[in-house]
Amino acid sequence: MTSRRFERGFTLIEGMIALVVLLIGLLGLAGLQVVAVRANHFSKRMSEASALALDLAEQINNWNYGDTRLTPLATVTGPTDPGILGSDLGRAAATSYSPEYSDLPGDTNVSNTSNRGVLATNYQGLQADVLHNGSPDYVRYWNVYTYSDGTSNGLLVQIFVRWLEPSLGYRQINLTAFKANPAGLSGI
């Protein structure tokens, strides 16, 4: 005669508890997947914005030193000079201060109306309409300062690239470039 007392298996309650623990783990993995997708999207946008900023810096380097798109706001002695307007345009659609130039025609964030959309249609660099849907995905702003610290003489160009991140507001990247004065130090 065999005894059934020693035969063991899982009860229905133990199986249900194991299933609940497994579901909690799967929900955690699903949450991580959502975070990973968002991070991937944000890094893609940062890469595109960085490429646009670098492209503008390269194009500015090709412009004539006296180009009207390079008219300086003020004279500064370094990248941290208090005469530089700021490094954050804010999260709202209206910037926290008015930059000097914009590549978006009709942009109300630029103080001088003639400096709106100054890259124009003949711009040879990357276009801000990355998705090619007829609407810019990014807006490039830049401020120009005469830079003179006694050894260097030229223009300090502060570049911002902004884009709208849904439910997070506007994001931006910054780049500072230097355009040497072809006349050298004779302008000091």
Foldseek 3Di string as FASTA:
>chain_A
DDDPPPDDDDDPVNVVVVVVVVVVVVVVVVVVVVVVVVVVVVVVVVVVQVQVQVQVLVVVLVDDQPDPLQDADEEAADPPGPVDPDQAQDQALAGPAAFCAKLAQPRPSHPDNVRYNVCDPPNPTDFQCPVPPPDGQKMKGKHWHFYDNPQFTFIKIKIKIWGQDPPRGIDIDIDIHTHGDPVTPPVD
